[in-house]
C-alpha atoms as a PDB file:
ATOM      1  CA  MET A   1    -135.206 -18.924  33.678  1.00  0.00           C
ATOM      2  CA  PHE A   2    -134.234 -15.962  31.640  1.00  0.00           C
ATOM      3  CA  GLY A   3    -133.983 -13.910  34.761  1.00  0.00           C
ATOM      4  CA  SER A   4    -131.674 -16.426  36.340  1.00  0.00           C
ATOM      5  CA  VAL A   5    -129.377 -16.211  33.330  1.00  0.00           C
ATOM      6  CA  VAL A   6    -129.330 -12.438  33.500  1.00  0.00           C
ATOM      7  CA  ARG A   7    -128.465 -12.525  37.183  1.00  0.00           C
ATOM      8  CA  LYS A   8    -125.527 -14.893  36.495  1.00  0.00           C
ATOM      9  CA  LEU A   9    -124.190 -12.847  33.519  1.00  0.00           C
ATOM     10  CA  PRO A  10    -121.560 -10.809  35.447  1.00  0.00           C
ATOM     11  CA  THR A  11    -120.126 -13.971  36.896  1.00  0.00           C
ATOM     12  CA  ILE A  12    -119.987 -15.603  33.503  1.00  0.00           C
ATOM     13  CA  LEU A  13    -118.210 -12.574  31.980  1.00  0.00           C
ATOM     14  CA  LEU A  14    -115.584 -12.500  34.692  1.00  0.00           C
ATOM     15  CA  SER A  15    -114.911 -16.194  34.256  1.00  0.00           C
ATOM     16  CA  THR A  16    -114.561 -15.764  30.519  1.00  0.00           C
ATOM     17  CA  LEU A  17    -112.057 -12.921  30.887  1.00  0.00           C
ATOM     18  CA  ALA A  18    -110.001 -14.917  33.358  1.00  0.00           C
ATOM     19  CA  ILE A  19    -109.859 -17.907  31.020  1.00  0.00           C
ATOM     20  CA  ALA A  20    -108.772 -15.628  28.132  1.00  0.00           C
ATOM     21  CA  ALA A  21    -105.993 -14.110  30.204  1.00  0.00           C
ATOM     22  CA  VAL A  22    -104.669 -17.537  31.110  1.00  0.00           C
ATOM     23  CA  ALA A  23    -104.842 -18.574  27.487  1.00  0.00           C
ATOM     24  CA  CYS A  24    -102.806 -15.546  26.425  1.00  0.00           C
ATOM     25  CA  THR A  25    -100.141 -16.241  29.021  1.00  0.00           C
ATOM     26  CA  THR A  26     -99.535 -19.806  27.892  1.00  0.00           C
ATOM     27  CA  ALA A  27     -99.947 -19.246  24.157  1.00  0.00           C
ATOM     28  CA  ALA A  28     -97.150 -16.660  23.767  1.00  0.00           C
ATOM     29  CA  PRO A  29     -94.395 -17.105  26.385  1.00  0.00           C
ATOM     30  CA  ALA A  30     -91.739 -14.356  26.688  1.00  0.00           C
ATOM     31  CA  PRO A  31     -88.446 -14.991  24.857  1.00  0.00           C
ATOM     32  CA  THR A  32     -85.617 -16.328  26.956  1.00  0.00           C
ATOM     33  CA  ALA A  33     -82.263 -14.551  27.422  1.00  0.00           C
ATOM     34  CA  THR A  34     -80.415 -17.026  25.181  1.00  0.00           C
ATOM     35  CA  ALA A  35     -82.778 -16.538  22.280  1.00  0.00           C
ATOM     36  CA  ALA A  36     -82.034 -12.827  22.051  1.00  0.00           C
ATOM     37  CA  PRO A  37     -78.936 -11.839  19.963  1.00  0.00           C
ATOM     38  CA  PRO A  38     -75.942 -10.743  22.005  1.00  0.00           C
ATOM     39  CA  PRO A  39     -75.167  -7.019  22.242  1.00  0.00           C
ATOM     40  CA  LYS A  40     -73.450  -5.592  19.152  1.00  0.00           C
ATOM     41  CA  ALA A  41     -70.391  -4.563  21.122  1.00  0.00           C
ATOM     42  CA  ALA A  42     -69.739  -8.175  22.066  1.00  0.00           C
ATOM     43  CA  THR A  43     -69.706  -9.566  18.505  1.00  0.00           C
ATOM     44  CA  ALA A  44     -68.925  -6.692  16.066  1.00  0.00           C
ATOM     45  CA  ALA A  45     -65.110  -6.621  16.606  1.00  0.00           C
ATOM     46  CA  PRO A  46     -62.533  -9.287  17.599  1.00  0.00           C
ATOM     47  CA  ALA A  47     -60.799  -9.011  20.877  1.00  0.00           C
ATOM     48  CA  ALA A  48     -58.002  -6.439  20.971  1.00  0.00           C
ATOM     49  CA  PRO A  49     -54.522  -7.972  20.237  1.00  0.00           C
ATOM     50  CA  THR A  50     -52.191  -8.400  23.109  1.00  0.00           C
ATOM     51  CA  PRO A  51     -49.161  -6.057  23.495  1.00  0.00           C
ATOM     52  CA  THR A  52     -46.828  -8.832  22.341  1.00  0.00           C
ATOM     53  CA  VAL A  53     -48.615  -9.182  19.010  1.00  0.00           C
ATOM     54  CA  VAL A  54     -48.534  -5.417  18.421  1.00  0.00           C
ATOM     55  CA  ALA A  55     -44.785  -5.282  18.992  1.00  0.00           C
ATOM     56  CA  ALA A  56     -44.179  -8.106  16.544  1.00  0.00           C
ATOM     57  CA  THR A  57     -46.282  -6.722  13.705  1.00  0.00           C
ATOM     58  CA  SER A  58     -45.835  -2.962  13.939  1.00  0.00           C
ATOM     59  CA  ALA A  59     -42.841  -0.907  12.709  1.00  0.00           C
ATOM     60  CA  PRO A  60     -39.892  -0.840  15.144  1.00  0.00           C
ATOM     61  CA  THR A  61     -39.828   2.177  17.375  1.00  0.00           C
ATOM     62  CA  LYS A  62     -36.870   4.561  17.538  1.00  0.00           C
ATOM     63  CA  ALA A  63     -35.781   3.045  20.812  1.00  0.00           C
ATOM     64  CA  SER A  64     -35.617  -0.476  19.348  1.00  0.00           C
ATOM     65  CA  ALA A  65     -33.883   0.480  16.066  1.00  0.00           C
ATOM     66  CA  PRO A  66     -30.186  -0.539  15.886  1.00  0.00           C
ATOM     67  CA  ALA A  67     -27.730   2.269  16.500  1.00  0.00           C
ATOM     68  CA  ALA A  68     -25.951   3.621  13.439  1.00  0.00           C
ATOM     69  CA  ALA A  69     -22.545   2.864  14.909  1.00  0.00           C
ATOM     70  CA  SER A  70     -23.328  -0.854  15.128  1.00  0.00           C
ATOM     71  CA  THR A  71     -23.957  -1.183  11.380  1.00  0.00           C
ATOM     72  CA  ALA A  72     -21.392   1.272   9.934  1.00  0.00           C
ATOM     73  CA  THR A  73     -18.263  -0.195   8.322  1.00  0.00           C
ATOM     74  CA  PRO A  74     -15.110   1.019  10.109  1.00  0.00           C
ATOM     75  CA  ALA A  75     -12.870   3.262   8.004  1.00  0.00           C
ATOM     76  CA  ALA A  76     -10.003   1.271   6.536  1.00  0.00           C
ATOM     77  CA  PRO A  77      -6.539   2.499   7.447  1.00  0.00           C
ATOM     78  CA  SER A  78      -4.547   3.917   4.586  1.00  0.00           C
ATOM     79  CA  ALA A  79      -2.142   1.566   2.840  1.00  0.00           C
ATOM     80  CA  THR A  80       1.562   1.529   3.669  1.00  0.00           C
ATOM     81  CA  ILE A  81       4.571   1.730   1.386  1.00  0.00           C
ATOM     82  CA  THR A  82       8.093   0.606   2.184  1.00  0.00           C
ATOM     83  CA  LEU A  83      10.973   2.845   1.131  1.00  0.00           C
ATOM     84  CA  GLN A  84      14.426   1.284   1.171  1.00  0.00           C
ATOM     85  CA  TRP A  85      17.755   3.066   0.541  1.00  0.00           C
ATOM     86  CA  PHE A  86      20.820   1.310  -0.914  1.00  0.00           C
ATOM     87  CA  GLY A  87      23.171   4.302  -0.880  1.00  0.00           C
ATOM     88  CA  GLN A  88      23.819   7.191  -3.273  1.00  0.00           C
ATOM     89  CA  SER A  89      20.444   7.826  -5.005  1.00  0.00           C
ATOM     90  CA  THR A  90      19.230   4.225  -5.129  1.00  0.00           C
ATOM     91  CA  PHE A  91      15.837   3.536  -3.549  1.00  0.00           C
ATOM     92  CA  LEU A  92      13.391   0.667  -3.750  1.00  0.00           C
ATOM     93  CA  LEU A  93       9.719   1.539  -3.338  1.00  0.00           C
ATOM     94  CA  THR A  94       7.385  -1.361  -2.535  1.00  0.00           C
ATOM     95  CA  THR A  95       3.642  -0.684  -2.508  1.00  0.00           C
ATOM     96  CA  SER A  96       1.089  -2.349  -0.244  1.00  0.00           C
ATOM     97  CA  SER A  97       0.178  -4.704  -3.110  1.00  0.00           C
ATOM     98  CA  GLY A  98       3.823  -5.714  -3.644  1.00  0.00           C
ATOM     99  CA  THR A  99       4.718  -3.668  -6.740  1.00  0.00           C
ATOM    100  CA  LYS A 100       8.438  -2.819  -6.731  1.00  0.00           C
ATOM    101  CA  LEU A 101       9.928   0.317  -8.254  1.00  0.00           C
ATOM    102  CA  LEU A 102      13.709   0.770  -8.268  1.00  0.00           C
ATOM    103  CA  MET A 103      15.077   4.326  -8.578  1.00  0.00           C
ATOM    104  CA  ASP A 104      18.509   5.303  -9.941  1.00  0.00           C
ATOM    105  CA  PRO A 105      20.362   1.994  -9.387  1.00  0.00           C
ATOM    106  CA  ALA A 106      24.050   2.649  -8.605  1.00  0.00           C
ATOM    107  CA  ALA A 107      26.965   0.670 -10.005  1.00  0.00           C
ATOM    108  CA  PRO A 108      29.386  -1.114  -7.619  1.00  0.00           C
ATOM    109  CA  SER A 109      32.035   1.457  -8.498  1.00  0.00           C
ATOM    110  CA  THR A 110      30.356   3.834  -6.037  1.00  0.00           C
ATOM    111  CA  GLY A 111      31.320   1.555  -3.150  1.00  0.00           C
ATOM    112  CA  TYR A 112      27.759   0.324  -2.634  1.00  0.00           C
ATOM    113  CA  ASN A 113      28.048  -3.223  -3.888  1.00  0.00           C
ATOM    114  CA  THR A 114      24.347  -3.984  -3.673  1.00  0.00           C
ATOM    115  CA  GLN A 115      23.197  -7.467  -4.602  1.00  0.00           C
ATOM    116  CA  PRO A 116      20.689  -7.780  -7.470  1.00  0.00           C
ATOM    117  CA  ILE A 117      17.097  -7.168  -6.371  1.00  0.00           C
ATOM    118  CA  GLN A 118      14.641  -9.786  -7.555  1.00  0.00           C
ATOM    119  CA  GLY A 119      11.099  -9.097  -8.689  1.00  0.00           C
ATOM    120  CA  VAL A 120      11.489  -5.445  -9.671  1.00  0.00           C
ATOM    121  CA  ASP A 121       8.535  -4.307 -11.797  1.00  0.00           C
ATOM    122  CA  VAL A 122       9.793  -0.909 -12.967  1.00  0.00           C
ATOM    123  CA  VAL A 123      13.040   1.090 -12.921  1.00  0.00           C
ATOM    124  CA  THR A 124      13.303   4.881 -13.167  1.00  0.00           C
ATOM    125  CA  ILE A 125      16.570   6.510 -14.287  1.00  0.00           C
ATOM    126  CA  SER A 126      16.991  10.250 -13.772  1.00  0.00           C
ATOM    127  CA  HIS A 127      20.002  10.556 -16.109  1.00  0.00           C
ATOM    128  CA  GLU A 128      22.604   8.392 -17.793  1.00  0.00           C
ATOM    129  CA  HIS A 129      25.511   8.340 -15.316  1.00  0.00           C
ATOM    130  CA  ALA A 130      26.906   5.070 -13.982  1.00  0.00           C
ATOM    131  CA  ASP A 131      25.815   5.739 -10.399  1.00  0.00           C
ATOM    132  CA  HIS A 132      22.195   6.110 -11.552  1.00  0.00           C
ATOM    133  CA  ASN A 133      21.599   3.718 -14.482  1.00  0.00           C
ATOM    134  CA  TYR A 134      23.009   0.339 -13.416  1.00  0.00           C
ATOM    135  CA  LEU A 135      20.237  -1.909 -14.708  1.00  0.00           C
ATOM    136  CA  ALA A 136      22.053  -5.091 -13.667  1.00  0.00           C
ATOM    137  CA  LEU A 137      20.687  -4.373 -10.195  1.00  0.00           C
ATOM    138  CA  ALA A 138      17.209  -5.311 -11.483  1.00  0.00           C
ATOM    139  CA  PRO A 139      17.446  -8.698 -13.240  1.00  0.00           C
ATOM    140  CA  GLY A 140      14.529  -9.993 -15.234  1.00  0.00           C
ATOM    141  CA  ASN A 141      12.403  -7.863 -17.496  1.00  0.00           C
ATOM    142  CA  PRO A 142      11.261  -4.756 -15.618  1.00  0.00           C
ATOM    143  CA  VAL A 143       9.738  -1.739 -17.318  1.00  0.00           C
ATOM    144  CA  VAL A 144      12.549   0.837 -17.704  1.00  0.00           C
ATOM    145  CA  LEU A 145      11.568   4.513 -17.667  1.00  0.00           C
ATOM    146  CA  ARG A 146      14.385   6.853 -18.580  1.00  0.00           C
ATOM    147  CA  GLY A 147      14.170  10.547 -17.812  1.00  0.00           C
ATOM    148  CA  LEU A 148      16.417  11.354 -20.779  1.00  0.00           C
ATOM    149  CA  LYS A 149      16.255  10.180 -24.351  1.00  0.00           C
ATOM    150  CA  GLU A 150      18.951  10.927 -26.910  1.00  0.00           C
ATOM    151  CA  ASN A 151      20.426  13.697 -24.735  1.00  0.00           C
ATOM    152  CA  ASP A 152      17.055  15.381 -24.327  1.00  0.00           C
ATOM    153  CA  TRP A 153      14.296  15.010 -21.782  1.00  0.00           C
ATOM    154  CA  ALA A 154      11.854  12.210 -22.233  1.00  0.00           C
ATOM    155  CA  GLN A 155       8.213  12.772 -21.350  1.00  0.00           C
ATOM    156  CA  VAL A 156       7.206  10.048 -18.930  1.00  0.00           C
ATOM    157  CA  ASP A 157       3.581   9.964 -17.856  1.00  0.00           C
ATOM    158  CA  GLN A 158       2.244   6.482 -17.297  1.00  0.00           C
ATOM    159  CA  ALA A 159       1.165   3.918 -14.746  1.00  0.00           C
ATOM    160  CA  VAL A 160       2.827   0.606 -13.995  1.00  0.00           C
ATOM    161  CA  LYS A 161       0.465  -1.564 -11.982  1.00  0.00           C
ATOM    162  CA  ASP A 162      -0.569   0.580  -8.998  1.00  0.00           C
ATOM    163  CA  ILE A 163       2.115   3.273  -9.361  1.00  0.00           C
ATOM    164  CA  LYS A 164       1.631   6.424 -11.413  1.00  0.00           C
ATOM    165  CA  ILE A 165       4.916   7.885 -12.704  1.00  0.00           C
ATOM    166  CA  ARG A 166       5.677  11.249 -14.241  1.00  0.00           C
ATOM    167  CA  SER A 167       8.936  13.028 -15.134  1.00  0.00           C
ATOM    168  CA  TYR A 168       9.861  16.724 -14.969  1.00  0.00           C
ATOM    169  CA  PRO A 169      12.810  18.365 -16.780  1.00  0.00           C
ATOM    170  CA  THR A 170      15.669  19.919 -14.792  1.00  0.00           C
ATOM    171  CA  TYR A 171      19.476  20.218 -15.063  1.00  0.00           C
ATOM    172  CA  HIS A 172      22.414  18.467 -13.453  1.00  0.00           C
ATOM    173  CA  ASP A 173      24.131  21.797 -12.784  1.00  0.00           C
ATOM    174  CA  ALA A 174      23.398  25.475 -12.260  1.00  0.00           C
ATOM    175  CA  GLU A 175      24.551  26.409 -15.765  1.00  0.00           C
ATOM    176  CA  GLY A 176      21.668  25.053 -17.815  1.00  0.00           C
ATOM    177  CA  GLY A 177      23.335  21.667 -18.279  1.00  0.00           C
ATOM    178  CA  ALA A 178      26.562  23.085 -19.704  1.00  0.00           C
ATOM    179  CA  LYS A 179      28.742  21.179 -17.213  1.00  0.00           C
ATOM    180  CA  ARG A 180      26.906  17.916 -16.535  1.00  0.00           C
ATOM    181  CA  GLY A 181      23.887  17.838 -18.799  1.00  0.00           C
ATOM    182  CA  LYS A 182      20.220  17.308 -18.078  1.00  0.00           C
ATOM    183  CA  ASN A 183      18.414  15.628 -15.207  1.00  0.00           C
ATOM    184  CA  ALA A 184      14.849  14.421 -14.645  1.00  0.00           C
ATOM    185  CA  ILE A 185      12.778  14.560 -11.496  1.00  0.00           C
ATOM    186  CA  PHE A 186      10.344  11.668 -11.068  1.00  0.00           C
ATOM    187  CA  VAL A 187       7.096  12.103  -9.149  1.00  0.00           C
ATOM    188  CA  LEU A 188       5.455   8.856  -8.032  1.00  0.00           C
ATOM    189  CA  GLU A 189       1.921   8.292  -6.766  1.00  0.00           C
ATOM    190  CA  ALA A 190       1.195   5.125  -4.828  1.00  0.00           C
ATOM    191  CA  ASP A 191      -1.070   4.138  -1.932  1.00  0.00           C
ATOM    192  CA  GLY A 192      -2.373   7.691  -1.577  1.00  0.00           C
ATOM    193  CA  LEU A 193       1.111   9.193  -1.286  1.00  0.00           C
ATOM    194  CA  ARG A 194       3.022  11.506  -3.643  1.00  0.00           C
ATOM    195  CA  LEU A 195       6.792  11.087  -3.652  1.00  0.00           C
ATOM    196  CA  ALA A 196       9.465  12.967  -5.587  1.00  0.00           C
ATOM    197  CA  HIS A 197      12.935  11.649  -6.426  1.00  0.00           C
ATOM    198  CA  LEU A 198      15.063  14.605  -7.527  1.00  0.00           C
ATOM    199  CA  GLY A 199      17.875  12.611  -9.155  1.00  0.00           C
ATOM    200  CA  ASP A 200      21.056  14.674  -9.454  1.00  0.00           C
ATOM    201  CA  LEU A 201      19.362  18.063  -9.320  1.00  0.00           C
ATOM    202  CA  GLY A 202      22.051  20.735  -9.654  1.00  0.00           C
ATOM    203  CA  HIS A 203      20.137  24.008  -9.183  1.00  0.00           C
ATOM    204  CA  PRO A 204      17.319  25.597  -7.171  1.00  0.00           C
ATOM    205  CA  LEU A 205      13.825  25.214  -8.588  1.00  0.00           C
ATOM    206  CA  THR A 206      11.895  28.150  -9.900  1.00  0.00           C
ATOM    207  CA  GLN A 207       8.492  28.742  -8.373  1.00  0.00           C
ATOM    208  CA  GLU A 208       6.957  27.584 -11.638  1.00  0.00           C
ATOM    209  CA  GLN A 209       8.880  24.294 -11.435  1.00  0.00           C
ATOM    210  CA  ALA A 210       7.956  23.795  -7.785  1.00  0.00           C
ATOM    211  CA  THR A 211       4.286  24.427  -8.534  1.00  0.00           C
ATOM    212  CA  ALA A 212       4.383  21.932 -11.403  1.00  0.00           C
ATOM    213  CA  LEU A 213       5.532  19.178  -9.026  1.00  0.00           C
ATOM    214  CA  GLY A 214       2.430  19.682  -6.896  1.00  0.00           C
ATOM    215  CA  LYS A 215       1.856  18.816  -3.267  1.00  0.00           C
ATOM    216  CA  LEU A 216       4.377  16.235  -2.045  1.00  0.00           C
ATOM    217  CA  ASP A 217       4.328  13.898   0.944  1.00  0.00           C
ATOM    218  CA  VAL A 218       7.857  12.500   0.594  1.00  0.00           C
ATOM    219  CA  LEU A 219      10.945  14.152  -0.898  1.00  0.00           C
ATOM    220  CA  MET A 220      14.165  12.328  -1.783  1.00  0.00           C
ATOM    221  CA  VAL A 221      16.716  15.114  -2.154  1.00  0.00           C
ATOM    222  CA  PRO A 222      20.476  15.201  -2.859  1.00  0.00           C
ATOM    223  CA  VAL A 223      22.393  17.126  -0.185  1.00  0.00           C
ATOM    224  CA  GLY A 224      26.106  16.389  -0.749  1.00  0.00           C
ATOM    225  CA  GLY A 225      26.985  19.258  -3.058  1.00  0.00           C
ATOM    226  CA  PHE A 226      29.652  19.375  -5.774  1.00  0.00           C
ATOM    227  CA  TYR A 227      27.735  17.193  -8.250  1.00  0.00           C
ATOM    228  CA  THR A 228      24.350  18.324  -6.952  1.00  0.00           C
ATOM    229  CA  ILE A 229      22.770  21.003  -4.791  1.00  0.00           C
ATOM    230  CA  ASP A 230      24.399  21.291  -1.369  1.00  0.00           C
ATOM    231  CA  ALA A 231      22.965  21.235   2.152  1.00  0.00           C
ATOM    232  CA  ALA A 232      21.919  24.912   2.133  1.00  0.00           C
ATOM    233  CA  GLU A 233      20.225  24.669  -1.268  1.00  0.00           C
ATOM    234  CA  ALA A 234      18.541  21.398  -0.272  1.00  0.00           C
ATOM    235  CA  THR A 235      17.216  23.092   2.881  1.00  0.00           C
ATOM    236  CA  GLN A 236      15.788  25.942   0.816  1.00  0.00           C
ATOM    237  CA  LEU A 237      14.209  23.465  -1.565  1.00  0.00           C
ATOM    238  CA  ALA A 238      12.664  21.409   1.245  1.00  0.00           C
ATOM    239  CA  THR A 239      11.132  24.593   2.654  1.00  0.00           C
ATOM    240  CA  GLN A 240       9.810  25.539  -0.779  1.00  0.00           C
ATOM    241  CA  LEU A 241       8.196  22.144  -1.440  1.00  0.00           C
ATOM    242  CA  SER A 242       7.148  21.556   2.212  1.00  0.00           C
ATOM    243  CA  PRO A 243       6.758  17.753   2.256  1.00  0.00           C
ATOM    244  CA  LYS A 244       6.081  15.944   5.527  1.00  0.00           C
ATOM    245  CA  VAL A 245       8.967  13.497   5.053  1.00  0.00           C
ATOM    246  CA  VAL A 246      12.422  14.312   3.648  1.00  0.00           C
ATOM    247  CA  VAL A 247      14.957  11.584   2.906  1.00  0.00           C
ATOM    248  CA  PRO A 248      18.468  12.885   2.129  1.00  0.00           C
ATOM    249  CA  MET A 249      20.555  11.100  -0.497  1.00  0.00           C
ATOM    250  CA  HIS A 250      23.682  11.482  -2.623  1.00  0.00           C
ATOM    251  CA  TYR A 251      26.019  12.374   0.250  1.00  0.00           C
ATOM    252  CA  LYS A 252      29.291  10.910   1.412  1.00  0.00           C
ATOM    253  CA  THR A 253      29.326   7.859   3.707  1.00  0.00           C
ATOM    254  CA  PRO A 254      32.149   5.578   4.932  1.00  0.00           C
ATOM    255  CA  LYS A 255      31.160   3.113   2.221  1.00  0.00           C
ATOM    256  CA  MET A 256      32.205   5.444  -0.602  1.00  0.00           C
ATOM    257  CA  GLN A 257      35.565   6.089  -2.136  1.00  0.00           C
ATOM    258  CA  ALA A 258      37.757   8.329   0.012  1.00  0.00           C
ATOM    259  CA  ASN A 259      38.257  10.856  -2.785  1.00  0.00           C
ATOM    260  CA  TRP A 260      34.569  11.349  -3.555  1.00  0.00           C
ATOM    261  CA  PRO A 261      34.194  15.143  -3.434  1.00  0.00           C
ATOM    262  CA  GLY A 262      30.672  15.453  -2.003  1.00  0.00           C
ATOM    263  CA  GLY A 263      30.001  16.312   1.624  1.00  0.00           C
ATOM    264  CA  PRO A 264      28.288  14.346   4.437  1.00  0.00           C
ATOM    265  CA  VAL A 265      24.639  14.577   5.519  1.00  0.00           C
ATOM    266  CA  ASP A 266      25.200  16.410   8.816  1.00  0.00           C
ATOM    267  CA  PRO A 267      25.094  20.019   7.556  1.00  0.00           C
ATOM    268  CA  PHE A 268      21.672  19.354   6.063  1.00  0.00           C
ATOM    269  CA  LEU A 269      20.307  18.099   9.388  1.00  0.00           C
ATOM    270  CA  GLU A 270      20.993  21.281  11.334  1.00  0.00           C
ATOM    271  CA  GLY A 271      17.900  23.032  12.647  1.00  0.00           C
ATOM    272  CA  LYS A 272      15.493  20.294  11.494  1.00  0.00           C
ATOM    273  CA  LYS A 273      13.450  17.605  13.162  1.00  0.00           C
ATOM    274  CA  VAL A 274      15.458  14.452  12.533  1.00  0.00           C
ATOM    275  CA  GLU A 275      14.651  10.790  12.982  1.00  0.00           C
ATOM    276  CA  ARG A 276      17.501   8.316  12.572  1.00  0.00           C
ATOM    277  CA  VAL A 277      15.663   5.212  11.468  1.00  0.00           C
ATOM    278  CA  GLY A 278      18.385   2.688  12.352  1.00  0.00           C
ATOM    279  CA  SER A 279      17.987   0.602   9.192  1.00  0.00           C
ATOM    280  CA  ASN A 280      17.866   1.128   5.451  1.00  0.00           C
ATOM    281  CA  LYS A 281      14.066   1.010   5.232  1.00  0.00           C
ATOM    282  CA  VAL A 282      11.087   2.941   6.520  1.00  0.00           C
ATOM    283  CA  MET A 283       7.354   2.311   6.272  1.00  0.00           C
ATOM    284  CA  ILE A 284       5.159   5.297   5.398  1.00  0.00           C
ATOM    285  CA  SER A 285       1.388   5.702   5.197  1.00  0.00           C
ATOM    286  CA  LYS A 286      -0.774   8.711   4.456  1.00  0.00           C
ATOM    287  CA  ASP A 287      -2.600   8.667   7.796  1.00  0.00           C
ATOM    288  CA  LYS A 288       0.616   8.451   9.834  1.00  0.00           C
ATOM    289  CA  LEU A 289       2.676  11.219   8.274  1.00  0.00           C
ATOM    290  CA  PRO A 290       4.439  13.415  10.835  1.00  0.00           C
ATOM    291  CA  ALA A 291       2.688  16.646  11.794  1.00  0.00           C
ATOM    292  CA  VAL A 292       5.761  18.715  10.902  1.00  0.00           C
ATOM    293  CA  MET A 293       8.440  18.135   8.303  1.00  0.00           C
ATOM    294  CA  THR A 294      10.757  15.372   9.503  1.00  0.00           C
ATOM    295  CA  VAL A 295      14.059  14.212   8.041  1.00  0.00           C
ATOM    296  CA  TYR A 296      14.434  10.431   7.994  1.00  0.00           C
ATOM    297  CA  VAL A 297      18.097   9.423   7.959  1.00  0.00           C
ATOM    298  CA  LEU A 298      18.310   5.879   6.635  1.00  0.00           C
ATOM    299  CA  GLY A 299      21.150   3.400   6.745  1.00  0.00           C
ATOM    300  CA  TYR A 300      22.444   2.118   3.459  1.00  0.00           C
ATOM    301  CA  GLU A 301      22.769  -1.587   4.234  1.00  0.00           C
ATOM    302  CA  SER A 302      19.868  -3.990   4.789  1.00  0.00           C
END
């Protein structure tokens, strides 16, 4: 019996090993694909954003930025004044904001029977002669700035609303005032422009006086002679001061008395660029000044 067992031992061992192998296969099955964690690359980062999302959340590129020209504020044009002549040396300056400055109002005895001007804010008077100081032309209660005070020059340097006003001492004649006394030049600054009203200037200006007036855009200059400088002296003065606009005044017109001794405007116009405006007013702005000095000949009736 023992020998029979020994002879069957190899078969028994093989059977035992086979049973063990089967037991191992069923006891520990291999993990399935779903049980294993997904690859790191698939779960470590979210999906990349789409191009639309990037454009909405990132800084605008140079190509998409608005052009500078589309956001810049256009430059405002310079303001415009209105200059109106009523004959002799009488002018009304109206600024773009409506401030009114009346210069050297003339009495009706000159032949210019101008109607009173309403709403005048300030009056300048170069000297105390009737054809320059007729305040009845400005009813109401305007500020009155006189170039002379008690037979001497006043010192005017002030602003009325949006007009800056300053006076400069001169004479009514070429003899230091011995014949007709003193005179004041008024320089006005309004709406970016500098204007000078020479009153009844009776002599050429020294270089020191011309320099004191400063750079001028508009010059109102007497040209008739006898009581003031004449056409030749006014031409020299206009060249010396070199404004862009010259408005002649204090010359003889058909409106004046026949025996008034001053001359007409025509001699002053010779050799100059002249524009006959066709009315008694002209509009002037800093950005539309003529390129070369131009004489504006105004009418004297509105």
